[in-house]
N, C-alpha and C. Protein backbone atom coordinates (compact mmCIF):
# COMPACT_ATOMS: atom_id res chain seq x y z
N MET A 1 -19.82 -5.17 -67.79
CA MET A 1 -19.97 -4.59 -66.46
C MET A 1 -18.79 -3.66 -66.16
N ILE A 2 -19.09 -2.44 -65.71
CA ILE A 2 -18.05 -1.49 -65.37
C ILE A 2 -17.74 -1.61 -63.88
N ARG A 3 -16.49 -1.87 -63.58
CA ARG A 3 -16.07 -1.98 -62.19
C ARG A 3 -15.55 -0.62 -61.72
N ARG A 4 -16.20 -0.11 -60.68
CA ARG A 4 -15.81 1.18 -60.15
C ARG A 4 -14.63 1.03 -59.20
N GLN A 5 -13.72 1.99 -59.26
CA GLN A 5 -12.60 1.99 -58.34
C GLN A 5 -13.05 2.45 -56.97
N GLY A 6 -12.52 1.79 -55.95
CA GLY A 6 -12.75 2.25 -54.60
C GLY A 6 -11.84 3.42 -54.28
N PRO A 7 -11.94 3.98 -53.09
CA PRO A 7 -11.08 5.10 -52.73
C PRO A 7 -9.63 4.65 -52.65
N PRO A 8 -8.68 5.53 -52.97
CA PRO A 8 -7.26 5.16 -52.91
C PRO A 8 -6.86 4.76 -51.50
N ALA A 9 -6.06 3.70 -51.40
CA ALA A 9 -5.67 3.15 -50.10
C ALA A 9 -4.25 3.52 -49.71
N SER A 10 -3.49 4.13 -50.61
CA SER A 10 -2.11 4.48 -50.32
C SER A 10 -1.73 5.72 -51.12
N VAL A 11 -0.65 6.37 -50.70
CA VAL A 11 -0.16 7.54 -51.44
C VAL A 11 0.23 7.14 -52.85
N ARG A 12 0.85 5.98 -52.99
CA ARG A 12 1.23 5.50 -54.33
C ARG A 12 0.00 5.39 -55.23
N GLU A 13 -1.05 4.77 -54.72
CA GLU A 13 -2.26 4.61 -55.53
C GLU A 13 -2.92 5.96 -55.80
N LEU A 14 -2.95 6.82 -54.80
CA LEU A 14 -3.57 8.14 -54.95
C LEU A 14 -2.97 8.90 -56.12
N TYR A 15 -1.65 8.88 -56.23
CA TYR A 15 -0.99 9.66 -57.29
C TYR A 15 -0.87 8.90 -58.60
N ASP A 16 -0.74 7.60 -58.55
CA ASP A 16 -0.71 6.85 -59.80
C ASP A 16 -2.03 6.98 -60.56
N ARG A 17 -3.12 7.10 -59.84
CA ARG A 17 -4.43 7.22 -60.49
C ARG A 17 -4.55 8.49 -61.32
N VAL A 18 -3.84 9.55 -60.94
CA VAL A 18 -3.98 10.82 -61.66
C VAL A 18 -2.73 11.18 -62.47
N ALA A 19 -1.83 10.21 -62.63
CA ALA A 19 -0.56 10.51 -63.30
C ALA A 19 -0.76 11.03 -64.72
N ASP A 20 -1.76 10.50 -65.43
CA ASP A 20 -1.96 10.90 -66.82
C ASP A 20 -2.70 12.23 -66.97
N ARG A 21 -3.17 12.80 -65.85
CA ARG A 21 -3.86 14.09 -65.90
C ARG A 21 -3.45 15.00 -64.74
N TYR A 22 -2.23 14.81 -64.28
CA TYR A 22 -1.80 15.54 -63.09
C TYR A 22 -1.73 17.04 -63.33
N ASP A 23 -1.29 17.46 -64.49
CA ASP A 23 -1.24 18.90 -64.78
C ASP A 23 -2.64 19.51 -64.68
N GLU A 24 -3.64 18.77 -65.14
CA GLU A 24 -5.01 19.26 -65.04
C GLU A 24 -5.44 19.37 -63.58
N VAL A 25 -5.08 18.36 -62.77
CA VAL A 25 -5.42 18.38 -61.35
C VAL A 25 -4.80 19.60 -60.67
N VAL A 26 -3.54 19.88 -61.01
CA VAL A 26 -2.84 21.04 -60.43
C VAL A 26 -3.60 22.33 -60.75
N GLU A 27 -4.07 22.45 -61.98
CA GLU A 27 -4.78 23.66 -62.38
C GLU A 27 -6.15 23.75 -61.72
N VAL A 28 -6.89 22.65 -61.74
CA VAL A 28 -8.26 22.65 -61.20
C VAL A 28 -8.27 22.94 -59.70
N THR A 29 -7.29 22.38 -58.98
CA THR A 29 -7.25 22.58 -57.53
C THR A 29 -6.54 23.87 -57.13
N ARG A 30 -6.03 24.61 -58.11
CA ARG A 30 -5.34 25.88 -57.86
C ARG A 30 -4.17 25.70 -56.89
N TYR A 31 -3.41 24.65 -57.12
CA TYR A 31 -2.26 24.35 -56.28
C TYR A 31 -1.27 25.51 -56.27
N GLY A 32 -0.85 25.93 -55.09
CA GLY A 32 -0.04 27.14 -54.98
C GLY A 32 1.45 26.93 -54.87
N GLY A 33 1.90 25.69 -54.83
CA GLY A 33 3.30 25.42 -54.58
C GLY A 33 4.24 25.96 -55.64
N ARG A 34 3.89 25.82 -56.89
CA ARG A 34 4.79 26.25 -57.96
C ARG A 34 5.01 27.76 -57.93
N ASP A 35 3.93 28.54 -57.77
CA ASP A 35 4.09 29.99 -57.75
C ASP A 35 4.92 30.43 -56.55
N TRP A 36 4.69 29.79 -55.40
CA TRP A 36 5.49 30.14 -54.22
C TRP A 36 6.96 29.82 -54.46
N LEU A 37 7.24 28.65 -55.03
CA LEU A 37 8.62 28.25 -55.26
C LEU A 37 9.30 29.18 -56.26
N ALA A 38 8.58 29.56 -57.29
CA ALA A 38 9.15 30.47 -58.29
C ALA A 38 9.58 31.79 -57.65
N ALA A 39 8.80 32.26 -56.68
CA ALA A 39 9.14 33.50 -56.00
C ALA A 39 10.26 33.32 -54.98
N ALA A 40 10.39 32.11 -54.42
CA ALA A 40 11.36 31.86 -53.35
C ALA A 40 12.74 31.48 -53.86
N LEU A 41 12.83 30.80 -54.99
CA LEU A 41 14.11 30.27 -55.46
C LEU A 41 15.20 31.31 -55.72
N PRO A 42 14.87 32.53 -56.18
CA PRO A 42 15.94 33.50 -56.43
C PRO A 42 16.81 33.79 -55.22
N ALA A 43 16.35 33.46 -54.02
CA ALA A 43 17.17 33.69 -52.82
C ALA A 43 18.48 32.91 -52.90
N VAL A 44 18.47 31.75 -53.58
CA VAL A 44 19.70 30.96 -53.70
C VAL A 44 20.72 31.71 -54.55
N ALA A 45 20.30 32.23 -55.69
CA ALA A 45 21.21 32.99 -56.55
C ALA A 45 21.67 34.26 -55.86
N ASP A 46 20.74 34.90 -55.13
CA ASP A 46 21.09 36.15 -54.44
C ASP A 46 22.17 35.91 -53.39
N ALA A 47 22.19 34.70 -52.83
CA ALA A 47 23.21 34.37 -51.82
C ALA A 47 24.55 34.03 -52.45
N GLY A 48 24.59 33.91 -53.78
CA GLY A 48 25.84 33.63 -54.48
C GLY A 48 26.33 32.21 -54.30
N GLN A 49 25.43 31.30 -53.98
CA GLN A 49 25.84 29.91 -53.71
C GLN A 49 25.92 29.11 -55.01
N VAL A 50 27.00 28.35 -55.17
CA VAL A 50 27.13 27.44 -56.30
C VAL A 50 26.26 26.21 -56.02
N VAL A 51 25.42 25.85 -56.97
CA VAL A 51 24.50 24.73 -56.78
C VAL A 51 24.90 23.60 -57.72
N ARG A 52 25.29 22.49 -57.13
CA ARG A 52 25.74 21.34 -57.91
C ARG A 52 24.72 20.20 -57.92
N ARG A 53 23.88 20.13 -56.89
CA ARG A 53 22.92 19.02 -56.80
C ARG A 53 21.63 19.51 -56.17
N VAL A 54 20.51 19.23 -56.85
CA VAL A 54 19.17 19.60 -56.40
C VAL A 54 18.35 18.33 -56.34
N VAL A 55 17.62 18.13 -55.24
CA VAL A 55 16.78 16.94 -55.08
C VAL A 55 15.34 17.38 -54.87
N ASP A 56 14.46 16.91 -55.74
CA ASP A 56 13.03 17.22 -55.73
C ASP A 56 12.30 16.03 -55.11
N LEU A 57 11.90 16.16 -53.85
CA LEU A 57 11.20 15.09 -53.13
C LEU A 57 9.71 15.16 -53.45
N GLY A 58 9.12 14.01 -53.79
CA GLY A 58 7.74 14.00 -54.22
C GLY A 58 7.59 14.71 -55.55
N CYS A 59 8.46 14.34 -56.49
CA CYS A 59 8.57 15.08 -57.76
C CYS A 59 7.36 14.91 -58.68
N ALA A 60 6.50 13.92 -58.40
CA ALA A 60 5.30 13.67 -59.22
C ALA A 60 5.68 13.53 -60.70
N ASN A 61 5.00 14.25 -61.58
CA ASN A 61 5.24 14.10 -63.02
C ASN A 61 6.31 15.05 -63.55
N GLY A 62 7.02 15.70 -62.62
CA GLY A 62 8.05 16.66 -63.04
C GLY A 62 7.56 18.07 -63.14
N ALA A 63 6.39 18.35 -62.55
CA ALA A 63 5.81 19.69 -62.65
C ALA A 63 6.76 20.76 -62.11
N LEU A 64 7.44 20.46 -61.00
CA LEU A 64 8.40 21.44 -60.46
C LEU A 64 9.74 21.36 -61.16
N GLY A 65 10.04 20.24 -61.77
CA GLY A 65 11.26 20.11 -62.55
C GLY A 65 11.31 21.11 -63.69
N ARG A 66 10.15 21.48 -64.21
CA ARG A 66 10.10 22.47 -65.29
C ARG A 66 10.56 23.84 -64.80
N LEU A 67 10.47 24.05 -63.50
CA LEU A 67 10.96 25.28 -62.90
C LEU A 67 12.40 25.13 -62.41
N LEU A 68 12.71 23.97 -61.83
CA LEU A 68 14.03 23.76 -61.25
C LEU A 68 15.13 23.65 -62.31
N ARG A 69 14.81 23.00 -63.44
CA ARG A 69 15.84 22.80 -64.47
C ARG A 69 16.39 24.13 -65.00
N PRO A 70 15.54 25.07 -65.41
CA PRO A 70 16.11 26.35 -65.87
C PRO A 70 16.68 27.20 -64.75
N SER A 71 16.21 26.99 -63.51
CA SER A 71 16.75 27.76 -62.39
C SER A 71 18.16 27.32 -62.03
N PHE A 72 18.45 26.02 -62.23
CA PHE A 72 19.76 25.46 -61.91
C PHE A 72 20.26 24.64 -63.10
N PRO A 73 20.60 25.30 -64.20
CA PRO A 73 20.90 24.58 -65.45
C PRO A 73 22.14 23.70 -65.38
N HIS A 74 23.04 23.97 -64.46
CA HIS A 74 24.29 23.21 -64.41
C HIS A 74 24.31 22.20 -63.26
N ALA A 75 23.22 22.12 -62.51
CA ALA A 75 23.16 21.20 -61.37
C ALA A 75 22.67 19.82 -61.81
N ARG A 76 23.05 18.81 -61.03
CA ARG A 76 22.47 17.48 -61.20
C ARG A 76 21.11 17.49 -60.51
N LEU A 77 20.05 17.22 -61.26
CA LEU A 77 18.68 17.29 -60.75
C LEU A 77 18.15 15.87 -60.54
N VAL A 78 17.80 15.58 -59.29
CA VAL A 78 17.31 14.25 -58.90
C VAL A 78 15.86 14.37 -58.47
N GLY A 79 15.00 13.48 -58.98
CA GLY A 79 13.60 13.43 -58.57
C GLY A 79 13.32 12.13 -57.84
N ILE A 80 12.56 12.22 -56.76
CA ILE A 80 12.20 11.05 -55.96
C ILE A 80 10.70 11.06 -55.74
N ASP A 81 10.05 9.93 -55.99
CA ASP A 81 8.60 9.83 -55.80
C ASP A 81 8.22 8.39 -55.51
N VAL A 82 7.08 8.21 -54.85
CA VAL A 82 6.62 6.88 -54.48
C VAL A 82 5.81 6.22 -55.58
N ALA A 83 5.31 7.01 -56.54
CA ALA A 83 4.36 6.52 -57.53
C ALA A 83 5.04 6.23 -58.87
N PRO A 84 5.10 4.96 -59.31
CA PRO A 84 5.83 4.64 -60.54
C PRO A 84 5.25 5.27 -61.80
N ARG A 85 3.94 5.44 -61.87
CA ARG A 85 3.37 6.07 -63.06
C ARG A 85 3.71 7.55 -63.12
N MET A 86 3.80 8.17 -61.96
CA MET A 86 4.25 9.56 -61.93
C MET A 86 5.70 9.66 -62.40
N LEU A 87 6.53 8.74 -61.95
CA LEU A 87 7.93 8.75 -62.37
C LEU A 87 8.06 8.53 -63.87
N ALA A 88 7.21 7.69 -64.44
CA ALA A 88 7.24 7.47 -65.88
C ALA A 88 6.91 8.77 -66.62
N ALA A 89 5.94 9.52 -66.09
CA ALA A 89 5.58 10.80 -66.70
C ALA A 89 6.72 11.80 -66.56
N ALA A 90 7.38 11.79 -65.39
CA ALA A 90 8.52 12.69 -65.19
C ALA A 90 9.67 12.33 -66.12
N ARG A 91 9.88 11.04 -66.33
CA ARG A 91 10.96 10.59 -67.21
C ARG A 91 10.73 11.11 -68.64
N ALA A 92 9.48 11.15 -69.05
CA ALA A 92 9.17 11.63 -70.39
C ALA A 92 9.47 13.11 -70.57
N GLU A 93 9.51 13.86 -69.44
CA GLU A 93 9.83 15.29 -69.51
C GLU A 93 11.31 15.53 -69.83
N ASN A 94 12.16 14.54 -69.54
CA ASN A 94 13.60 14.63 -69.82
C ASN A 94 14.24 15.84 -69.15
N LEU A 95 13.86 16.07 -67.89
CA LEU A 95 14.40 17.19 -67.13
C LEU A 95 15.37 16.74 -66.05
N TYR A 96 15.17 15.54 -65.54
CA TYR A 96 15.93 15.05 -64.40
C TYR A 96 17.11 14.19 -64.87
N ASP A 97 18.21 14.31 -64.16
CA ASP A 97 19.37 13.46 -64.42
C ASP A 97 19.19 12.08 -63.80
N GLU A 98 18.34 12.00 -62.77
CA GLU A 98 18.11 10.73 -62.08
C GLU A 98 16.72 10.76 -61.46
N LEU A 99 16.01 9.64 -61.56
CA LEU A 99 14.68 9.49 -60.96
C LEU A 99 14.66 8.21 -60.15
N LEU A 100 14.16 8.31 -58.91
CA LEU A 100 14.16 7.18 -58.00
C LEU A 100 12.77 6.96 -57.43
N GLU A 101 12.36 5.70 -57.34
CA GLU A 101 11.11 5.36 -56.66
C GLU A 101 11.42 5.07 -55.20
N HIS A 102 10.78 5.82 -54.31
CA HIS A 102 11.08 5.66 -52.89
C HIS A 102 9.95 6.25 -52.05
N ASP A 103 9.63 5.60 -50.94
CA ASP A 103 8.66 6.08 -49.96
C ASP A 103 9.38 6.98 -48.97
N LEU A 104 8.96 8.23 -48.87
CA LEU A 104 9.66 9.21 -48.04
C LEU A 104 9.43 9.00 -46.55
N GLY A 105 8.74 7.94 -46.19
CA GLY A 105 8.67 7.58 -44.78
C GLY A 105 10.03 7.20 -44.22
N THR A 106 10.98 6.92 -45.09
CA THR A 106 12.36 6.66 -44.68
C THR A 106 13.29 7.56 -45.48
N ALA A 107 14.53 7.68 -45.02
CA ALA A 107 15.49 8.59 -45.65
C ALA A 107 15.72 8.22 -47.11
N PRO A 108 15.80 9.19 -48.00
CA PRO A 108 16.10 8.91 -49.40
C PRO A 108 17.43 8.19 -49.56
N PRO A 109 17.52 7.24 -50.48
CA PRO A 109 18.76 6.48 -50.65
C PRO A 109 19.80 7.24 -51.47
N GLY A 110 21.05 6.87 -51.28
CA GLY A 110 22.12 7.32 -52.17
C GLY A 110 22.53 8.77 -52.02
N LEU A 111 22.16 9.40 -50.90
CA LEU A 111 22.52 10.80 -50.71
C LEU A 111 23.56 10.88 -49.59
N ALA A 112 24.81 11.05 -49.98
CA ALA A 112 25.89 11.09 -49.01
C ALA A 112 25.80 12.36 -48.17
N ALA A 113 26.44 12.33 -47.02
CA ALA A 113 26.47 13.50 -46.15
C ALA A 113 27.07 14.69 -46.88
N GLY A 114 26.39 15.83 -46.79
CA GLY A 114 26.90 17.06 -47.39
C GLY A 114 26.94 17.06 -48.90
N SER A 115 26.06 16.28 -49.56
CA SER A 115 26.14 16.14 -51.01
C SER A 115 25.07 16.92 -51.78
N VAL A 116 24.14 17.57 -51.07
CA VAL A 116 23.00 18.23 -51.72
C VAL A 116 23.03 19.72 -51.38
N ASP A 117 22.81 20.55 -52.38
CA ASP A 117 22.75 21.99 -52.17
C ASP A 117 21.34 22.48 -51.93
N VAL A 118 20.36 21.87 -52.60
CA VAL A 118 18.97 22.31 -52.49
C VAL A 118 18.05 21.09 -52.44
N PHE A 119 17.21 21.05 -51.42
CA PHE A 119 16.09 20.11 -51.38
C PHE A 119 14.80 20.88 -51.60
N VAL A 120 13.89 20.27 -52.37
CA VAL A 120 12.53 20.78 -52.52
C VAL A 120 11.59 19.67 -52.05
N ALA A 121 10.68 20.01 -51.13
CA ALA A 121 9.74 19.01 -50.61
C ALA A 121 8.37 19.67 -50.49
N LEU A 122 7.69 19.80 -51.62
CA LEU A 122 6.39 20.45 -51.66
C LEU A 122 5.29 19.41 -51.89
N GLY A 123 4.24 19.49 -51.09
CA GLY A 123 3.08 18.63 -51.30
C GLY A 123 3.30 17.18 -50.96
N CYS A 124 4.30 16.88 -50.12
CA CYS A 124 4.56 15.48 -49.78
C CYS A 124 4.71 15.24 -48.29
N LEU A 125 5.14 16.22 -47.52
CA LEU A 125 5.41 15.99 -46.10
C LEU A 125 4.14 15.74 -45.30
N GLU A 126 2.98 16.19 -45.80
CA GLU A 126 1.74 15.95 -45.06
C GLU A 126 1.34 14.48 -45.03
N PHE A 127 1.96 13.67 -45.86
CA PHE A 127 1.65 12.24 -45.86
C PHE A 127 2.50 11.46 -44.86
N ILE A 128 3.40 12.14 -44.17
CA ILE A 128 4.30 11.49 -43.22
C ILE A 128 3.87 11.87 -41.81
N ALA A 129 3.45 10.88 -41.04
CA ALA A 129 2.93 11.14 -39.70
C ALA A 129 4.00 11.69 -38.78
N HIS A 130 5.23 11.23 -38.94
CA HIS A 130 6.33 11.65 -38.06
C HIS A 130 7.51 12.06 -38.94
N PRO A 131 7.55 13.33 -39.36
CA PRO A 131 8.56 13.75 -40.35
C PRO A 131 9.94 14.06 -39.78
N LEU A 132 10.13 14.04 -38.47
CA LEU A 132 11.41 14.44 -37.91
C LEU A 132 12.58 13.58 -38.42
N PRO A 133 12.47 12.24 -38.46
CA PRO A 133 13.60 11.47 -39.00
C PRO A 133 13.98 11.86 -40.42
N LEU A 134 12.97 12.13 -41.26
CA LEU A 134 13.27 12.56 -42.62
C LEU A 134 13.97 13.91 -42.61
N LEU A 135 13.48 14.85 -41.82
CA LEU A 135 14.11 16.17 -41.76
C LEU A 135 15.55 16.07 -41.29
N ARG A 136 15.82 15.21 -40.33
CA ARG A 136 17.20 15.02 -39.86
C ARG A 136 18.08 14.44 -40.96
N SER A 137 17.50 13.54 -41.77
CA SER A 137 18.29 12.98 -42.87
C SER A 137 18.57 14.05 -43.93
N LEU A 138 17.63 14.98 -44.13
CA LEU A 138 17.86 16.07 -45.09
C LEU A 138 18.96 16.98 -44.58
N HIS A 139 18.97 17.27 -43.29
CA HIS A 139 20.05 18.07 -42.71
C HIS A 139 21.40 17.40 -42.96
N ARG A 140 21.45 16.10 -42.74
CA ARG A 140 22.70 15.37 -42.94
C ARG A 140 23.18 15.45 -44.38
N SER A 141 22.24 15.37 -45.33
CA SER A 141 22.61 15.35 -46.75
C SER A 141 22.91 16.74 -47.30
N LEU A 142 22.41 17.78 -46.64
CA LEU A 142 22.67 19.14 -47.12
C LEU A 142 24.10 19.56 -46.84
N ARG A 143 24.67 20.29 -47.79
CA ARG A 143 25.94 20.95 -47.52
C ARG A 143 25.70 22.08 -46.51
N PRO A 144 26.68 22.41 -45.68
CA PRO A 144 26.52 23.58 -44.82
C PRO A 144 26.13 24.80 -45.65
N GLY A 145 25.09 25.49 -45.22
CA GLY A 145 24.57 26.60 -45.99
C GLY A 145 23.53 26.20 -47.02
N GLY A 146 23.25 24.88 -47.14
CA GLY A 146 22.29 24.39 -48.12
C GLY A 146 20.85 24.75 -47.78
N TRP A 147 19.97 24.58 -48.76
CA TRP A 147 18.60 25.09 -48.70
C TRP A 147 17.56 23.97 -48.70
N LEU A 148 16.46 24.20 -47.96
CA LEU A 148 15.28 23.35 -48.01
C LEU A 148 14.07 24.23 -48.27
N PHE A 149 13.39 23.98 -49.40
CA PHE A 149 12.12 24.64 -49.72
C PHE A 149 11.03 23.61 -49.51
N CYS A 150 10.16 23.84 -48.52
CA CYS A 150 9.23 22.78 -48.15
C CYS A 150 7.85 23.34 -47.79
N SER A 151 6.88 22.44 -47.73
CA SER A 151 5.53 22.83 -47.30
C SER A 151 4.99 21.78 -46.33
N PHE A 152 4.15 22.27 -45.43
CA PHE A 152 3.42 21.42 -44.50
C PHE A 152 1.95 21.84 -44.54
N GLN A 153 1.05 20.89 -44.43
CA GLN A 153 -0.35 21.25 -44.27
C GLN A 153 -0.51 21.90 -42.89
N GLU A 154 -1.24 23.01 -42.83
CA GLU A 154 -1.31 23.79 -41.59
C GLU A 154 -2.56 23.47 -40.79
N HIS A 155 -2.38 23.38 -39.47
CA HIS A 155 -3.49 23.18 -38.52
C HIS A 155 -3.68 24.43 -37.69
N TRP A 156 -4.96 24.84 -37.57
CA TRP A 156 -5.31 25.99 -36.74
C TRP A 156 -6.15 25.49 -35.57
N PRO A 157 -5.60 25.27 -34.40
CA PRO A 157 -6.37 24.72 -33.28
C PRO A 157 -7.58 25.57 -32.92
N GLU A 158 -7.45 26.88 -33.05
CA GLU A 158 -8.55 27.77 -32.68
C GLU A 158 -9.64 27.84 -33.74
N ARG A 159 -9.36 27.34 -34.94
CA ARG A 159 -10.35 27.31 -36.03
C ARG A 159 -10.23 25.97 -36.75
N ALA A 160 -10.40 24.91 -35.99
CA ALA A 160 -10.15 23.57 -36.52
C ALA A 160 -11.12 23.20 -37.64
N HIS A 161 -12.27 23.85 -37.70
CA HIS A 161 -13.20 23.55 -38.79
C HIS A 161 -12.67 24.06 -40.13
N LEU A 162 -11.76 25.04 -40.08
CA LEU A 162 -11.16 25.57 -41.30
C LEU A 162 -9.80 24.93 -41.61
N ALA A 163 -9.14 24.42 -40.58
CA ALA A 163 -7.82 23.81 -40.75
C ALA A 163 -7.68 22.66 -39.76
N PRO A 164 -8.31 21.52 -40.06
CA PRO A 164 -8.32 20.40 -39.11
C PRO A 164 -6.95 19.74 -38.97
N ARG A 165 -6.82 18.97 -37.92
CA ARG A 165 -5.57 18.24 -37.66
C ARG A 165 -5.31 17.20 -38.74
N THR A 166 -6.38 16.56 -39.24
CA THR A 166 -6.23 15.51 -40.25
C THR A 166 -7.31 15.66 -41.30
N THR A 167 -6.93 15.51 -42.56
CA THR A 167 -7.89 15.37 -43.66
C THR A 167 -7.57 14.07 -44.38
N ARG A 168 -8.38 13.69 -45.34
CA ARG A 168 -8.16 12.42 -46.03
C ARG A 168 -8.45 12.54 -47.52
N SER A 169 -7.68 11.78 -48.29
CA SER A 169 -7.98 11.51 -49.70
C SER A 169 -8.27 10.02 -49.77
N GLY A 170 -9.54 9.66 -49.83
CA GLY A 170 -9.89 8.26 -49.70
C GLY A 170 -9.50 7.78 -48.32
N ALA A 171 -8.68 6.72 -48.27
CA ALA A 171 -8.19 6.21 -46.99
C ALA A 171 -6.84 6.78 -46.61
N VAL A 172 -6.34 7.73 -47.40
CA VAL A 172 -5.00 8.27 -47.18
C VAL A 172 -5.08 9.51 -46.29
N PRO A 173 -4.48 9.47 -45.09
CA PRO A 173 -4.53 10.65 -44.22
C PRO A 173 -3.51 11.72 -44.60
N HIS A 174 -3.90 12.97 -44.43
CA HIS A 174 -3.01 14.12 -44.55
C HIS A 174 -2.84 14.69 -43.15
N HIS A 175 -1.63 14.79 -42.68
CA HIS A 175 -1.35 15.23 -41.32
C HIS A 175 -0.99 16.71 -41.32
N ALA A 176 -1.71 17.50 -40.51
CA ALA A 176 -1.49 18.94 -40.44
C ALA A 176 -0.80 19.31 -39.13
N LEU A 177 0.01 20.36 -39.18
CA LEU A 177 0.78 20.83 -38.03
C LEU A 177 0.60 22.33 -37.86
N THR A 178 0.73 22.79 -36.63
CA THR A 178 0.71 24.23 -36.39
C THR A 178 2.06 24.83 -36.79
N ARG A 179 2.06 26.13 -36.94
CA ARG A 179 3.31 26.82 -37.25
C ARG A 179 4.37 26.55 -36.19
N ALA A 180 3.97 26.59 -34.91
CA ALA A 180 4.92 26.35 -33.83
C ALA A 180 5.47 24.93 -33.89
N GLU A 181 4.62 23.96 -34.23
CA GLU A 181 5.07 22.57 -34.32
C GLU A 181 6.07 22.39 -35.47
N VAL A 182 5.81 23.04 -36.59
CA VAL A 182 6.73 22.93 -37.72
C VAL A 182 8.08 23.55 -37.37
N HIS A 183 8.06 24.72 -36.77
CA HIS A 183 9.33 25.37 -36.40
C HIS A 183 10.08 24.54 -35.37
N ASP A 184 9.36 23.89 -34.47
CA ASP A 184 10.02 23.02 -33.48
C ASP A 184 10.67 21.83 -34.17
N LEU A 185 9.99 21.22 -35.15
CA LEU A 185 10.58 20.11 -35.90
C LEU A 185 11.85 20.54 -36.62
N LEU A 186 11.79 21.69 -37.26
CA LEU A 186 12.97 22.17 -37.98
C LEU A 186 14.12 22.44 -37.01
N GLU A 187 13.80 23.00 -35.86
CA GLU A 187 14.84 23.26 -34.86
C GLU A 187 15.47 21.95 -34.39
N GLN A 188 14.63 20.94 -34.15
CA GLN A 188 15.15 19.64 -33.72
C GLN A 188 16.04 19.01 -34.80
N ALA A 189 15.74 19.31 -36.06
CA ALA A 189 16.54 18.79 -37.17
C ALA A 189 17.72 19.68 -37.50
N ALA A 190 17.95 20.72 -36.70
CA ALA A 190 19.06 21.66 -36.90
C ALA A 190 18.96 22.38 -38.24
N LEU A 191 17.72 22.69 -38.64
CA LEU A 191 17.47 23.48 -39.84
C LEU A 191 16.88 24.82 -39.42
N SER A 192 17.37 25.89 -40.00
CA SER A 192 17.00 27.24 -39.58
C SER A 192 15.99 27.87 -40.54
N PRO A 193 14.74 28.12 -40.11
CA PRO A 193 13.77 28.76 -40.99
C PRO A 193 14.21 30.19 -41.36
N GLN A 194 14.13 30.50 -42.64
CA GLN A 194 14.44 31.84 -43.13
C GLN A 194 13.16 32.64 -43.37
N SER A 195 12.11 31.94 -43.78
CA SER A 195 10.81 32.58 -44.00
C SER A 195 9.72 31.54 -43.89
N THR A 196 8.54 31.98 -43.44
CA THR A 196 7.38 31.10 -43.31
C THR A 196 6.18 31.84 -43.85
N ASP A 197 5.50 31.24 -44.81
CA ASP A 197 4.38 31.88 -45.49
C ASP A 197 3.15 30.99 -45.38
N SER A 198 2.07 31.50 -44.79
CA SER A 198 0.82 30.76 -44.68
C SER A 198 -0.10 31.19 -45.82
N ARG A 199 -0.50 30.20 -46.63
CA ARG A 199 -1.38 30.51 -47.76
C ARG A 199 -2.16 29.26 -48.15
N THR A 200 -3.16 29.42 -48.99
CA THR A 200 -3.92 28.27 -49.45
C THR A 200 -3.05 27.40 -50.33
N GLY A 201 -3.00 26.10 -49.99
CA GLY A 201 -2.21 25.16 -50.78
C GLY A 201 -2.96 24.66 -51.99
N TYR A 202 -4.23 24.34 -51.79
CA TYR A 202 -5.08 23.88 -52.89
C TYR A 202 -6.53 24.01 -52.46
N VAL A 203 -7.43 23.89 -53.41
CA VAL A 203 -8.86 23.92 -53.13
C VAL A 203 -9.43 22.59 -53.60
N SER A 204 -10.08 21.86 -52.68
CA SER A 204 -10.59 20.52 -53.00
C SER A 204 -11.85 20.60 -53.85
N ASN A 205 -12.29 19.44 -54.32
CA ASN A 205 -13.52 19.38 -55.12
C ASN A 205 -14.73 19.88 -54.34
N SER A 206 -14.68 19.74 -53.03
CA SER A 206 -15.80 20.18 -52.19
C SER A 206 -15.71 21.66 -51.85
N GLY A 207 -14.65 22.33 -52.28
CA GLY A 207 -14.49 23.75 -52.01
C GLY A 207 -13.67 24.06 -50.78
N PHE A 208 -13.08 23.04 -50.15
CA PHE A 208 -12.26 23.25 -48.96
C PHE A 208 -10.92 23.87 -49.36
N ALA A 209 -10.64 25.07 -48.84
CA ALA A 209 -9.38 25.75 -49.11
C ALA A 209 -8.36 25.31 -48.06
N CYS A 210 -7.47 24.41 -48.44
CA CYS A 210 -6.55 23.79 -47.49
C CYS A 210 -5.36 24.70 -47.22
N PRO A 211 -5.15 25.12 -45.97
CA PRO A 211 -4.02 26.01 -45.69
C PRO A 211 -2.71 25.24 -45.59
N TYR A 212 -1.68 25.85 -46.11
CA TYR A 212 -0.33 25.28 -46.08
C TYR A 212 0.63 26.30 -45.48
N LEU A 213 1.69 25.78 -44.89
CA LEU A 213 2.85 26.60 -44.52
C LEU A 213 3.95 26.33 -45.54
N TYR A 214 4.40 27.37 -46.20
CA TYR A 214 5.52 27.26 -47.14
C TYR A 214 6.75 27.87 -46.46
N ILE A 215 7.81 27.09 -46.40
CA ILE A 215 8.97 27.48 -45.60
C ILE A 215 10.26 27.37 -46.39
N VAL A 216 11.08 28.40 -46.25
CA VAL A 216 12.46 28.34 -46.69
C VAL A 216 13.32 28.13 -45.45
N ALA A 217 14.10 27.06 -45.43
CA ALA A 217 15.00 26.77 -44.30
C ALA A 217 16.38 26.47 -44.84
N ARG A 218 17.38 26.61 -43.97
CA ARG A 218 18.76 26.33 -44.38
C ARG A 218 19.48 25.53 -43.30
N ARG A 219 20.42 24.76 -43.74
CA ARG A 219 21.38 24.20 -42.81
C ARG A 219 22.39 25.30 -42.50
N PRO A 220 22.59 25.63 -41.24
CA PRO A 220 23.54 26.70 -40.92
C PRO A 220 24.92 26.41 -41.51
N ALA A 221 25.60 27.45 -41.93
CA ALA A 221 26.90 27.30 -42.57
C ALA A 221 27.91 26.62 -41.65
N SER A 222 27.72 26.77 -40.36
CA SER A 222 28.65 26.16 -39.41
C SER A 222 28.08 24.94 -38.72
N GLY A 223 26.89 24.46 -39.20
CA GLY A 223 26.24 23.35 -38.52
C GLY A 223 26.23 22.08 -39.32
């Protein structure tokens, strides 16, 4: 008898189920985060900032680590994810200096104040219903002048059928925010948006083109 899996009940289960084929999922869904990040990261080098520590939040199987490692070859690269099978896949890539299992509903552990030069948080913040405490913790951990490359699922109130407030993967909700709401959260966390790009984040199996906001933000040099 073949026992069918029910819908995923948690973010951990959602990503652990696809850990062995995550690269395929990224390609099939036309996930846009990597291409956006590749275009955005040169701003750090252009600013002439020395980068000693990079933290990849929601690192999954290390897909973005393949971009971050050559971009910051001398930095300590830390990956954090909630899914242990994803972390095992990332460990096999041998790109990260440290990998931690952690639920981003609370502040990442072991990050002292002013100890991080670059945070990357792509494809993970939509799973957090109230991201402000996390954003404030990222501000605290960033060095003055440090960078946050992040994405939020976007909500369009005037066209909610195209960009609803909430979508789901099984029983797992994805929380969407308007551009104004995201900028307000960043302002409350004392993070300054440098650029905001609205584009398709991924295309679901049903053909739903999910809009995302991709944002470059910084901790002010004097803040």
